[in-house]
Amino acid sequence: MSVRTSKAPAGLDAAGRALWAAVTRDYELSAHELAILTEAARTVDLLTRLEAEVVEHGAVVESPQGRKANPAAVEARQQRLTLARLVAALRIPLDDAEGRTQARPVRGVYGVRGA
């Protein structure tokens, strides 16, 4: 069942709303896909905040143990991986091939054994 909606969930910042608008403008999504898109939009917003933190304080910060990677940069790397998996789960067609979607499933999604 597809759901046609263009209203972004409450609480999204500009980057998240932009992602939401771009996807819902071109595609009709089912309820589970809307849930994935919501999490992707929230992840984009979090990445924006983390990147601002890195810009403000730098990629390397001082700690009692000496210089280390800014924890915001480390978390941003993890959130980029999360975003990539969420977007892949939406299976939106690639821009370069009409109707073609990503061929690989999301890592960790497997068939039922013995089926």
PDB file of N, CA and C in Angstrom:
ATOM      1  N   MET A   1       0.840  -1.178   0.000  1.00  0.00           N
ATOM      2  CA  MET A   1       0.000   0.000   0.000  1.00  0.00           C
ATOM      3  C   MET A   1       0.882   1.238   0.000  1.00  0.00           C
ATOM      4  N   SER A   2       0.724   2.094  -0.957  1.00  0.00           N
ATOM      5  CA  SER A   2       1.492   3.333  -1.037  1.00  0.00           C
ATOM      6  C   SER A   2       0.744   4.453  -0.343  1.00  0.00           C
ATOM      7  N   VAL A   3       1.531   5.330   0.246  1.00  0.00           N
ATOM      8  CA  VAL A   3       0.972   6.477   0.945  1.00  0.00           C
ATOM      9  C   VAL A   3       1.532   7.725   0.274  1.00  0.00           C
ATOM     10  N   ARG A   4       0.677   8.616  -0.122  1.00  0.00           N
ATOM     11  CA  ARG A   4       1.125   9.861  -0.760  1.00  0.00           C
ATOM     12  C   ARG A   4       1.085  10.961   0.284  1.00  0.00           C
ATOM     13  N   THR A   5       2.259  11.469   0.648  1.00  0.00           N
ATOM     14  CA  THR A   5       2.318  12.547   1.626  1.00  0.00           C
ATOM     15  C   THR A   5       3.499  13.444   1.303  1.00  0.00           C
ATOM     16  N   SER A   6       3.353  14.702   1.549  1.00  0.00           N
ATOM     17  CA  SER A   6       4.466  15.616   1.358  1.00  0.00           C
ATOM     18  C   SER A   6       4.781  16.350   2.655  1.00  0.00           C
ATOM     19  N   LYS A   7       4.004  16.091   3.692  1.00  0.00           N
ATOM     20  CA  LYS A   7       4.208  16.768   4.965  1.00  0.00           C
ATOM     21  C   LYS A   7       5.300  16.048   5.761  1.00  0.00           C
ATOM     22  N   ALA A   8       6.376  16.773   6.017  1.00  0.00           N
ATOM     23  CA  ALA A   8       7.493  16.197   6.769  1.00  0.00           C
ATOM     24  C   ALA A   8       7.115  16.018   8.233  1.00  0.00           C
ATOM     25  N   PRO A   9       7.688  15.017   8.883  1.00  0.00           N
ATOM     26  CA  PRO A   9       7.419  14.822  10.309  1.00  0.00           C
ATOM     27  C   PRO A   9       7.871  16.034  11.132  1.00  0.00           C
ATOM     28  N   ALA A  10       7.206  16.266  12.238  1.00  0.00           N
ATOM     29  CA  ALA A  10       7.586  17.375  13.122  1.00  0.00           C
ATOM     30  C   ALA A  10       8.990  17.145  13.671  1.00  0.00           C
ATOM     31  N   GLY A  11       9.688  18.234  13.881  1.00  0.00           N
ATOM     32  CA  GLY A  11      10.995  18.157  14.502  1.00  0.00           C
ATOM     33  C   GLY A  11      12.172  18.086  13.552  1.00  0.00           C
ATOM     34  N   LEU A  12      11.922  17.991  12.248  1.00  0.00           N
ATOM     35  CA  LEU A  12      13.035  17.954  11.303  1.00  0.00           C
ATOM     36  C   LEU A  12      13.592  19.353  11.086  1.00  0.00           C
ATOM     37  N   ASP A  13      14.910  19.415  10.926  1.00  0.00           N
ATOM     38  CA  ASP A  13      15.567  20.674  10.594  1.00  0.00           C
ATOM     39  C   ASP A  13      15.593  20.831   9.074  1.00  0.00           C
ATOM     40  N   ALA A  14      16.254  21.866   8.593  1.00  0.00           N
ATOM     41  CA  ALA A  14      16.244  22.186   7.163  1.00  0.00           C
ATOM     42  C   ALA A  14      16.769  21.045   6.297  1.00  0.00           C
ATOM     43  N   ALA A  15      17.879  20.432   6.673  1.00  0.00           N
ATOM     44  CA  ALA A  15      18.461  19.358   5.857  1.00  0.00           C
ATOM     45  C   ALA A  15      17.527  18.152   5.795  1.00  0.00           C
ATOM     46  N   GLY A  16      16.952  17.795   6.926  1.00  0.00           N
ATOM     47  CA  GLY A  16      16.022  16.668   6.961  1.00  0.00           C
ATOM     48  C   GLY A  16      14.767  16.939   6.154  1.00  0.00           C
ATOM     49  N   ARG A  17      14.247  18.159   6.264  1.00  0.00           N
ATOM     50  CA  ARG A  17      13.059  18.528   5.482  1.00  0.00           C
ATOM     51  C   ARG A  17      13.365  18.517   3.985  1.00  0.00           C
ATOM     52  N   ALA A  18      14.576  18.939   3.620  1.00  0.00           N
ATOM     53  CA  ALA A  18      14.961  18.949   2.205  1.00  0.00           C
ATOM     54  C   ALA A  18      15.019  17.529   1.649  1.00  0.00           C
ATOM     55  N   LEU A  19      15.588  16.606   2.413  1.00  0.00           N
ATOM     56  CA  LEU A  19      15.625  15.206   1.978  1.00  0.00           C
ATOM     57  C   LEU A  19      14.209  14.662   1.852  1.00  0.00           C
ATOM     58  N   TRP A  20      13.385  14.933   2.855  1.00  0.00           N
ATOM     59  CA  TRP A  20      11.996  14.464   2.843  1.00  0.00           C
ATOM     60  C   TRP A  20      11.278  14.971   1.597  1.00  0.00           C
ATOM     61  N   ALA A  21      11.411  16.267   1.323  1.00  0.00           N
ATOM     62  CA  ALA A  21      10.725  16.871   0.177  1.00  0.00           C
ATOM     63  C   ALA A  21      11.216  16.280  -1.140  1.00  0.00           C
ATOM     64  N   ALA A  22      12.523  16.086  -1.261  1.00  0.00           N
ATOM     65  CA  ALA A  22      13.080  15.557  -2.508  1.00  0.00           C
ATOM     66  C   ALA A  22      12.567  14.149  -2.799  1.00  0.00           C
ATOM     67  N   VAL A  23      12.471  13.327  -1.770  1.00  0.00           N
ATOM     68  CA  VAL A  23      12.032  11.946  -1.980  1.00  0.00           C
ATOM     69  C   VAL A  23      10.524  11.872  -2.177  1.00  0.00           C
ATOM     70  N   THR A  24       9.764  12.537  -1.328  1.00  0.00           N
ATOM     71  CA  THR A  24       8.297  12.421  -1.421  1.00  0.00           C
ATOM     72  C   THR A  24       7.732  13.158  -2.631  1.00  0.00           C
ATOM     73  N   ARG A  25       8.482  14.087  -3.185  1.00  0.00           N
ATOM     74  CA  ARG A  25       8.032  14.782  -4.392  1.00  0.00           C
ATOM     75  C   ARG A  25       7.995  13.822  -5.581  1.00  0.00           C
ATOM     76  N   ASP A  26       8.955  12.894  -5.633  1.00  0.00           N
ATOM     77  CA  ASP A  26       9.089  12.026  -6.800  1.00  0.00           C
ATOM     78  C   ASP A  26       8.586  10.601  -6.616  1.00  0.00           C
ATOM     79  N   TYR A  27       8.375  10.173  -5.382  1.00  0.00           N
ATOM     80  CA  TYR A  27       8.027   8.774  -5.133  1.00  0.00           C
ATOM     81  C   TYR A  27       6.862   8.640  -4.173  1.00  0.00           C
ATOM     82  N   GLU A  28       6.043   7.620  -4.407  1.00  0.00           N
ATOM     83  CA  GLU A  28       5.004   7.241  -3.457  1.00  0.00           C
ATOM     84  C   GLU A  28       5.589   6.142  -2.601  1.00  0.00           C
ATOM     85  N   LEU A  29       5.564   6.323  -1.299  1.00  0.00           N
ATOM     86  CA  LEU A  29       6.186   5.378  -0.386  1.00  0.00           C
ATOM     87  C   LEU A  29       5.143   4.654   0.456  1.00  0.00           C
ATOM     88  N   SER A  30       5.443   3.419   0.780  1.00  0.00           N
ATOM     89  CA  SER A  30       4.582   2.664   1.687  1.00  0.00           C
ATOM     90  C   SER A  30       4.894   3.109   3.117  1.00  0.00           C
ATOM     91  N   ALA A  31       4.102   2.655   4.052  1.00  0.00           N
ATOM     92  CA  ALA A  31       4.265   3.070   5.449  1.00  0.00           C
ATOM     93  C   ALA A  31       5.649   2.718   5.985  1.00  0.00           C
ATOM     94  N   HIS A  32       6.142   1.522   5.681  1.00  0.00           N
ATOM     95  CA  HIS A  32       7.468   1.160   6.187  1.00  0.00           C
ATOM     96  C   HIS A  32       8.574   1.984   5.528  1.00  0.00           C
ATOM     97  N   GLU A  33       8.377   2.357   4.276  1.00  0.00           N
ATOM     98  CA  GLU A  33       9.360   3.215   3.603  1.00  0.00           C
ATOM     99  C   GLU A  33       9.337   4.625   4.184  1.00  0.00           C
ATOM    100  N   LEU A  34       8.163   5.110   4.567  1.00  0.00           N
ATOM    101  CA  LEU A  34       8.087   6.417   5.224  1.00  0.00           C
ATOM    102  C   LEU A  34       8.825   6.401   6.564  1.00  0.00           C
ATOM    103  N   ALA A  35       8.754   5.285   7.269  1.00  0.00           N
ATOM    104  CA  ALA A  35       9.489   5.163   8.530  1.00  0.00           C
ATOM    105  C   ALA A  35      10.992   5.203   8.277  1.00  0.00           C
ATOM    106  N   ILE A  36      11.449   4.530   7.232  1.00  0.00           N
ATOM    107  CA  ILE A  36      12.872   4.555   6.877  1.00  0.00           C
ATOM    108  C   ILE A  36      13.285   5.964   6.469  1.00  0.00           C
ATOM    109  N   LEU A  37      12.458   6.617   5.663  1.00  0.00           N
ATOM    110  CA  LEU A  37      12.762   7.987   5.232  1.00  0.00           C
ATOM    111  C   LEU A  37      12.816   8.938   6.422  1.00  0.00           C
ATOM    112  N   THR A  38      11.924   8.761   7.375  1.00  0.00           N
ATOM    113  CA  THR A  38      11.937   9.598   8.579  1.00  0.00           C
ATOM    114  C   THR A  38      13.267   9.460   9.306  1.00  0.00           C
ATOM    115  N   GLU A  39      13.727   8.232   9.470  1.00  0.00           N
ATOM    116  CA  GLU A  39      15.013   8.019  10.150  1.00  0.00           C
ATOM    117  C   GLU A  39      16.172   8.571   9.329  1.00  0.00           C
ATOM    118  N   ALA A  40      16.105   8.457   8.013  1.00  0.00           N
ATOM    119  CA  ALA A  40      17.145   9.029   7.159  1.00  0.00           C
ATOM    120  C   ALA A  40      17.179  10.550   7.303  1.00  0.00           C
ATOM    121  N   ALA A  41      16.022  11.169   7.338  1.00  0.00           N
ATOM    122  CA  ALA A  41      15.955  12.630   7.483  1.00  0.00           C
ATOM    123  C   ALA A  41      16.506  13.062   8.851  1.00  0.00           C
ATOM    124  N   ARG A  42      16.169  12.317   9.897  1.00  0.00           N
ATOM    125  CA  ARG A  42      16.714  12.631  11.226  1.00  0.00           C
ATOM    126  C   ARG A  42      18.226  12.458  11.246  1.00  0.00           C
ATOM    127  N   THR A  43      18.718  11.445  10.542  1.00  0.00           N
ATOM    128  CA  THR A  43      20.158  11.200  10.471  1.00  0.00           C
ATOM    129  C   THR A  43      20.856  12.339   9.747  1.00  0.00           C
ATOM    130  N   VAL A  44      20.255  12.842   8.667  1.00  0.00           N
ATOM    131  CA  VAL A  44      20.830  13.986   7.943  1.00  0.00           C
ATOM    132  C   VAL A  44      20.914  15.203   8.870  1.00  0.00           C
ATOM    133  N   ASP A  45      19.877  15.428   9.655  1.00  0.00           N
ATOM    134  CA  ASP A  45      19.900  16.553  10.597  1.00  0.00           C
ATOM    135  C   ASP A  45      21.001  16.376  11.638  1.00  0.00           C
ATOM    136  N   LEU A  46      21.142  15.168  12.164  1.00  0.00           N
ATOM    137  CA  LEU A  46      22.195  14.903  13.140  1.00  0.00           C
ATOM    138  C   LEU A  46      23.568  15.110  12.528  1.00  0.00           C
ATOM    139  N   LEU A  47      23.760  14.655  11.306  1.00  0.00           N
ATOM    140  CA  LEU A  47      25.038  14.868  10.617  1.00  0.00           C
ATOM    141  C   LEU A  47      25.354  16.350  10.459  1.00  0.00           C
ATOM    142  N   THR A  48      24.353  17.143  10.159  1.00  0.00           N
ATOM    143  CA  THR A  48      24.554  18.586  10.030  1.00  0.00           C
ATOM    144  C   THR A  48      25.056  19.180  11.343  1.00  0.00           C
ATOM    145  N   ARG A  49      24.444  18.761  12.459  1.00  0.00           N
ATOM    146  CA  ARG A  49      24.877  19.262  13.770  1.00  0.00           C
ATOM    147  C   ARG A  49      26.279  18.773  14.133  1.00  0.00           C
ATOM    148  N   LEU A  50      26.571  17.512  13.841  1.00  0.00           N
ATOM    149  CA  LEU A  50      27.900  16.972  14.135  1.00  0.00           C
ATOM    150  C   LEU A  50      28.978  17.672  13.307  1.00  0.00           C
ATOM    151  N   GLU A  51      28.676  17.918  12.046  1.00  0.00           N
ATOM    152  CA  GLU A  51      29.645  18.598  11.183  1.00  0.00           C
ATOM    153  C   GLU A  51      29.892  20.027  11.646  1.00  0.00           C
ATOM    154  N   ALA A  52      28.878  20.700  12.155  1.00  0.00           N
ATOM    155  CA  ALA A  52      29.060  22.048  12.707  1.00  0.00           C
ATOM    156  C   ALA A  52      29.978  22.002  13.924  1.00  0.00           C
ATOM    157  N   GLU A  53      29.830  20.977  14.727  1.00  0.00           N
ATOM    158  CA  GLU A  53      30.696  20.793  15.901  1.00  0.00           C
ATOM    159  C   GLU A  53      32.152  20.584  15.479  1.00  0.00           C
ATOM    160  N   VAL A  54      32.376  19.802  14.446  1.00  0.00           N
ATOM    161  CA  VAL A  54      33.736  19.567  13.952  1.00  0.00           C
ATOM    162  C   VAL A  54      34.320  20.851  13.378  1.00  0.00           C
ATOM    163  N   VAL A  55      33.516  21.611  12.646  1.00  0.00           N
ATOM    164  CA  VAL A  55      33.997  22.884  12.097  1.00  0.00           C
ATOM    165  C   VAL A  55      34.391  23.833  13.222  1.00  0.00           C
ATOM    166  N   GLU A  56      33.583  23.871  14.273  1.00  0.00           N
ATOM    167  CA  GLU A  56      33.849  24.786  15.392  1.00  0.00           C
ATOM    168  C   GLU A  56      35.086  24.383  16.186  1.00  0.00           C
ATOM    169  N   HIS A  57      35.260  23.090  16.443  1.00  0.00           N
ATOM    170  CA  HIS A  57      36.333  22.649  17.336  1.00  0.00           C
ATOM    171  C   HIS A  57      37.475  21.926  16.642  1.00  0.00           C
ATOM    172  N   GLY A  58      37.333  21.614  15.372  1.00  0.00           N
ATOM    173  CA  GLY A  58      38.381  20.921  14.633  1.00  0.00           C
ATOM    174  C   GLY A  58      38.227  19.415  14.687  1.00  0.00           C
ATOM    175  N   ALA A  59      38.948  18.741  13.791  1.00  0.00           N
ATOM    176  CA  ALA A  59      38.865  17.283  13.708  1.00  0.00           C
ATOM    177  C   ALA A  59      39.641  16.610  14.839  1.00  0.00           C
ATOM    178  N   VAL A  60      40.603  17.324  15.412  1.00  0.00           N
ATOM    179  CA  VAL A  60      41.407  16.805  16.516  1.00  0.00           C
ATOM    180  C   VAL A  60      41.220  17.741  17.701  1.00  0.00           C
ATOM    181  N   VAL A  61      40.987  17.161  18.878  1.00  0.00           N
ATOM    182  CA  VAL A  61      40.772  17.961  20.087  1.00  0.00           C
ATOM    183  C   VAL A  61      41.721  17.499  21.184  1.00  0.00           C
ATOM    184  N   GLU A  62      41.932  18.376  22.142  1.00  0.00           N
ATOM    185  CA  GLU A  62      42.759  18.036  23.307  1.00  0.00           C
ATOM    186  C   GLU A  62      41.892  17.312  24.331  1.00  0.00           C
ATOM    187  N   SER A  63      42.489  16.333  24.988  1.00  0.00           N
ATOM    188  CA  SER A  63      41.816  15.614  26.063  1.00  0.00           C
ATOM    189  C   SER A  63      42.837  15.393  27.180  1.00  0.00           C
ATOM    190  N   PRO A  64      42.417  14.958  28.344  1.00  0.00           N
ATOM    191  CA  PRO A  64      43.377  14.687  29.419  1.00  0.00           C
ATOM    192  C   PRO A  64      44.435  13.659  29.014  1.00  0.00           C
ATOM    193  N   GLN A  65      44.112  12.800  28.047  1.00  0.00           N
ATOM    194  CA  GLN A  65      45.063  11.804  27.569  1.00  0.00           C
ATOM    195  C   GLN A  65      45.895  12.302  26.385  1.00  0.00           C
ATOM    196  N   GLY A  66      45.715  13.536  25.985  1.00  0.00           N
ATOM    197  CA  GLY A  66      46.427  14.101  24.833  1.00  0.00           C
ATOM    198  C   GLY A  66      45.470  14.373  23.686  1.00  0.00           C
ATOM    199  N   ARG A  67      46.052  14.601  22.512  1.00  0.00           N
ATOM    200  CA  ARG A  67      45.235  14.896  21.336  1.00  0.00           C
ATOM    201  C   ARG A  67      44.529  13.628  20.854  1.00  0.00           C
ATOM    202  N   LYS A  68      43.275  13.804  20.440  1.00  0.00           N
ATOM    203  CA  LYS A  68      42.502  12.676  19.917  1.00  0.00           C
ATOM    204  C   LYS A  68      41.504  13.185  18.888  1.00  0.00           C
ATOM    205  N   ALA A  69      40.956  12.250  18.136  1.00  0.00           N
ATOM    206  CA  ALA A  69      39.938  12.609  17.146  1.00  0.00           C
ATOM    207  C   ALA A  69      38.734  13.189  17.875  1.00  0.00           C
ATOM    208  N   ASN A  70      38.188  14.237  17.306  1.00  0.00           N
ATOM    209  CA  ASN A  70      36.982  14.843  17.857  1.00  0.00           C
ATOM    210  C   ASN A  70      35.876  13.787  17.889  1.00  0.00           C
ATOM    211  N   PRO A  71      35.270  13.539  19.054  1.00  0.00           N
ATOM    212  CA  PRO A  71      34.196  12.547  19.117  1.00  0.00           C
ATOM    213  C   PRO A  71      33.056  12.835  18.129  1.00  0.00           C
ATOM    214  N   ALA A  72      32.819  14.102  17.813  1.00  0.00           N
ATOM    215  CA  ALA A  72      31.778  14.435  16.835  1.00  0.00           C
ATOM    216  C   ALA A  72      32.160  13.930  15.448  1.00  0.00           C
ATOM    217  N   ALA A  73      33.454  13.950  15.113  1.00  0.00           N
ATOM    218  CA  ALA A  73      33.904  13.437  13.815  1.00  0.00           C
ATOM    219  C   ALA A  73      33.749  11.923  13.760  1.00  0.00           C
ATOM    220  N   VAL A  74      34.047  11.273  14.867  1.00  0.00           N
ATOM    221  CA  VAL A  74      33.894   9.815  14.933  1.00  0.00           C
ATOM    222  C   VAL A  74      32.421   9.438  14.788  1.00  0.00           C
ATOM    223  N   GLU A  75      31.562  10.130  15.501  1.00  0.00           N
ATOM    224  CA  GLU A  75      30.124   9.847  15.415  1.00  0.00           C
ATOM    225  C   GLU A  75      29.582  10.165  14.027  1.00  0.00           C
ATOM    226  N   ALA A  76      30.083  11.237  13.401  1.00  0.00           N
ATOM    227  CA  ALA A  76      29.630  11.588  12.051  1.00  0.00           C
ATOM    228  C   ALA A  76      29.948  10.460  11.074  1.00  0.00           C
ATOM    229  N   ARG A  77      31.121   9.854  11.227  1.00  0.00           N
ATOM    230  CA  ARG A  77      31.473   8.724  10.357  1.00  0.00           C
ATOM    231  C   ARG A  77      30.455   7.599  10.519  1.00  0.00           C
ATOM    232  N   GLN A  78      30.082   7.289  11.747  1.00  0.00           N
ATOM    233  CA  GLN A  78      29.107   6.234  11.996  1.00  0.00           C
ATOM    234  C   GLN A  78      27.735   6.604  11.441  1.00  0.00           C
ATOM    235  N   GLN A  79      27.358   7.861  11.580  1.00  0.00           N
ATOM    236  CA  GLN A  79      26.057   8.300  11.075  1.00  0.00           C
ATOM    237  C   GLN A  79      26.013   8.287   9.554  1.00  0.00           C
ATOM    238  N   ARG A  80      27.156   8.530   8.894  1.00  0.00           N
ATOM    239  CA  ARG A  80      27.194   8.441   7.430  1.00  0.00           C
ATOM    240  C   ARG A  80      26.931   7.007   6.976  1.00  0.00           C
ATOM    241  N   LEU A  81      27.493   6.052   7.701  1.00  0.00           N
ATOM    242  CA  LEU A  81      27.227   4.641   7.383  1.00  0.00           C
ATOM    243  C   LEU A  81      25.750   4.312   7.578  1.00  0.00           C
ATOM    244  N   THR A  82      25.191   4.801   8.661  1.00  0.00           N
ATOM    245  CA  THR A  82      23.773   4.589   8.933  1.00  0.00           C
ATOM    246  C   THR A  82      22.917   5.195   7.831  1.00  0.00           C
ATOM    247  N   LEU A  83      23.243   6.423   7.437  1.00  0.00           N
ATOM    248  CA  LEU A  83      22.486   7.082   6.371  1.00  0.00           C
ATOM    249  C   LEU A  83      22.570   6.295   5.071  1.00  0.00           C
ATOM    250  N   ALA A  84      23.755   5.811   4.731  1.00  0.00           N
ATOM    251  CA  ALA A  84      23.917   5.037   3.494  1.00  0.00           C
ATOM    252  C   ALA A  84      23.036   3.795   3.522  1.00  0.00           C
ATOM    253  N   ARG A  85      22.959   3.131   4.669  1.00  0.00           N
ATOM    254  CA  ARG A  85      22.133   1.930   4.777  1.00  0.00           C
ATOM    255  C   ARG A  85      20.644   2.261   4.697  1.00  0.00           C
ATOM    256  N   LEU A  86      20.254   3.354   5.319  1.00  0.00           N
ATOM    257  CA  LEU A  86      18.847   3.755   5.266  1.00  0.00           C
ATOM    258  C   LEU A  86      18.433   4.111   3.842  1.00  0.00           C
ATOM    259  N   VAL A  87      19.269   4.868   3.149  1.00  0.00           N
ATOM    260  CA  VAL A  87      18.947   5.257   1.772  1.00  0.00           C
ATOM    261  C   VAL A  87      18.914   4.024   0.875  1.00  0.00           C
ATOM    262  N   ALA A  88      19.866   3.093   1.084  1.00  0.00           N
ATOM    263  CA  ALA A  88      19.867   1.862   0.288  1.00  0.00           C
ATOM    264  C   ALA A  88      18.592   1.060   0.540  1.00  0.00           C
ATOM    265  N   ALA A  89      18.106   1.073   1.781  1.00  0.00           N
ATOM    266  CA  ALA A  89      16.886   0.333   2.115  1.00  0.00           C
ATOM    267  C   ALA A  89      15.663   0.896   1.401  1.00  0.00           C
ATOM    268  N   LEU A  90      15.695   2.168   1.043  1.00  0.00           N
ATOM    269  CA  LEU A  90      14.582   2.767   0.307  1.00  0.00           C
ATOM    270  C   LEU A  90      14.536   2.293  -1.144  1.00  0.00           C
ATOM    271  N   ARG A  91      15.679   1.826  -1.666  1.00  0.00           N
ATOM    272  CA  ARG A  91      15.778   1.301  -3.031  1.00  0.00           C
ATOM    273  C   ARG A  91      15.258   2.302  -4.061  1.00  0.00           C
ATOM    274  N   ILE A  92      15.668   3.527  -3.917  1.00  0.00           N
ATOM    275  CA  ILE A  92      15.299   4.576  -4.870  1.00  0.00           C
ATOM    276  C   ILE A  92      16.124   4.371  -6.135  1.00  0.00           C
ATOM    277  N   PRO A  93      15.518   4.470  -7.310  1.00  0.00           N
ATOM    278  CA  PRO A  93      16.264   4.275  -8.554  1.00  0.00           C
ATOM    279  C   PRO A  93      17.443   5.240  -8.666  1.00  0.00           C
ATOM    280  N   LEU A  94      18.529   4.730  -9.259  1.00  0.00           N
ATOM    281  CA  LEU A  94      19.706   5.559  -9.491  1.00  0.00           C
ATOM    282  C   LEU A  94      19.404   6.583 -10.568  1.00  0.00           C
ATOM    283  N   ASP A  95      20.030   7.760 -10.477  1.00  0.00           N
ATOM    284  CA  ASP A  95      19.791   8.824 -11.448  1.00  0.00           C
ATOM    285  C   ASP A  95      20.257   8.463 -12.852  1.00  0.00           C
ATOM    286  N   ASP A  96      21.307   7.639 -12.956  1.00  0.00           N
ATOM    287  CA  ASP A  96      21.901   7.363 -14.259  1.00  0.00           C
ATOM    288  C   ASP A  96      21.192   6.275 -15.056  1.00  0.00           C
ATOM    289  N   ALA A  97      20.283   5.557 -14.437  1.00  0.00           N
ATOM    290  CA  ALA A  97      19.598   4.475 -15.147  1.00  0.00           C
ATOM    291  C   ALA A  97      18.113   4.504 -14.815  1.00  0.00           C
ATOM    292  N   GLU A  98      17.329   4.704 -15.822  1.00  0.00           N
ATOM    293  CA  GLU A  98      15.893   4.833 -15.621  1.00  0.00           C
ATOM    294  C   GLU A  98      15.303   3.546 -15.051  1.00  0.00           C
ATOM    295  N   GLY A  99      14.701   3.659 -13.883  1.00  0.00           N
ATOM    296  CA  GLY A  99      14.040   2.521 -13.274  1.00  0.00           C
ATOM    297  C   GLY A  99      14.952   1.535 -12.563  1.00  0.00           C
ATOM    298  N   ARG A 100      16.263   1.700 -12.679  1.00  0.00           N
ATOM    299  CA  ARG A 100      17.189   0.758 -12.052  1.00  0.00           C
ATOM    300  C   ARG A 100      17.395   1.124 -10.594  1.00  0.00           C
ATOM    301  N   THR A 101      17.298   0.160  -9.697  1.00  0.00           N
ATOM    302  CA  THR A 101      17.536   0.396  -8.283  1.00  0.00           C
ATOM    303  C   THR A 101      18.852  -0.249  -7.894  1.00  0.00           C
ATOM    304  N   GLN A 102      19.293   0.035  -6.696  1.00  0.00           N
ATOM    305  CA  GLN A 102      20.503  -0.597  -6.205  1.00  0.00           C
ATOM    306  C   GLN A 102      20.274  -2.097  -6.157  1.00  0.00           C
ATOM    307  N   ALA A 103      21.227  -2.850  -6.667  1.00  0.00           N
ATOM    308  CA  ALA A 103      21.060  -4.295  -6.789  1.00  0.00           C
ATOM    309  C   ALA A 103      21.299  -5.030  -5.473  1.00  0.00           C
ATOM    310  N   ARG A 104      22.145  -4.484  -4.617  1.00  0.00           N
ATOM    311  CA  ARG A 104      22.496  -5.185  -3.390  1.00  0.00           C
ATOM    312  C   ARG A 104      21.477  -4.921  -2.294  1.00  0.00           C
ATOM    313  N   PRO A 105      21.137  -5.960  -1.535  1.00  0.00           N
ATOM    314  CA  PRO A 105      20.272  -5.728  -0.376  1.00  0.00           C
ATOM    315  C   PRO A 105      21.051  -5.058   0.740  1.00  0.00           C
ATOM    316  N   VAL A 106      20.354  -4.543   1.704  1.00  0.00           N
ATOM    317  CA  VAL A 106      20.994  -3.951   2.865  1.00  0.00           C
ATOM    318  C   VAL A 106      21.681  -5.065   3.629  1.00  0.00           C
ATOM    319  N   ARG A 107      22.912  -4.817   4.050  1.00  0.00           N
ATOM    320  CA  ARG A 107      23.645  -5.832   4.808  1.00  0.00           C
ATOM    321  C   ARG A 107      22.857  -6.203   6.056  1.00  0.00           C
ATOM    322  N   GLY A 108      22.775  -7.482   6.328  1.00  0.00           N
ATOM    323  CA  GLY A 108      22.075  -7.939   7.514  1.00  0.00           C
ATOM    324  C   GLY A 108      20.648  -8.384   7.244  1.00  0.00           C
ATOM    325  N   VAL A 109      20.166  -8.209   6.030  1.00  0.00           N
ATOM    326  CA  VAL A 109      18.821  -8.658   5.688  1.00  0.00           C
ATOM    327  C   VAL A 109      18.986  -9.938   4.871  1.00  0.00           C
ATOM    328  N   TYR A 110      18.539 -11.030   5.435  1.00  0.00           N
ATOM    329  CA  TYR A 110      18.743 -12.326   4.791  1.00  0.00           C
ATOM    330  C   TYR A 110      17.422 -13.062   4.681  1.00  0.00           C
ATOM    331  N   GLY A 111      17.398 -14.039   3.789  1.00  0.00           N
ATOM    332  CA  GLY A 111      16.208 -14.858   3.624  1.00  0.00           C
ATOM    333  C   GLY A 111      16.001 -15.789   4.808  1.00  0.00           C
ATOM    334  N   VAL A 112      14.836 -16.371   4.897  1.00  0.00           N
ATOM    335  CA  VAL A 112      14.507 -17.299   5.961  1.00  0.00           C
ATOM    336  C   VAL A 112      15.144 -18.645   5.650  1.00  0.00           C
ATOM    337  N   ARG A 113      15.821 -19.221   6.625  1.00  0.00           N
ATOM    338  CA  ARG A 113      16.458 -20.536   6.431  1.00  0.00           C
ATOM    339  C   ARG A 113      15.395 -21.605   6.211  1.00  0.00           C
ATOM    340  N   GLY A 114      15.695 -22.492   5.307  1.00  0.00           N
ATOM    341  CA  GLY A 114      14.797 -23.609   5.064  1.00  0.00           C
ATOM    342  C   GLY A 114      13.564 -23.262   4.252  1.00  0.00           C
ATOM    343  N   ALA A 115      13.497 -22.035   3.784  1.00  0.00           N
ATOM    344  CA  ALA A 115      12.309 -21.625   3.034  1.00  0.00           C
ATOM    345  C   ALA A 115      12.446 -21.974   1.577  1.00  0.00           C
TER     346      ALA A 115
END
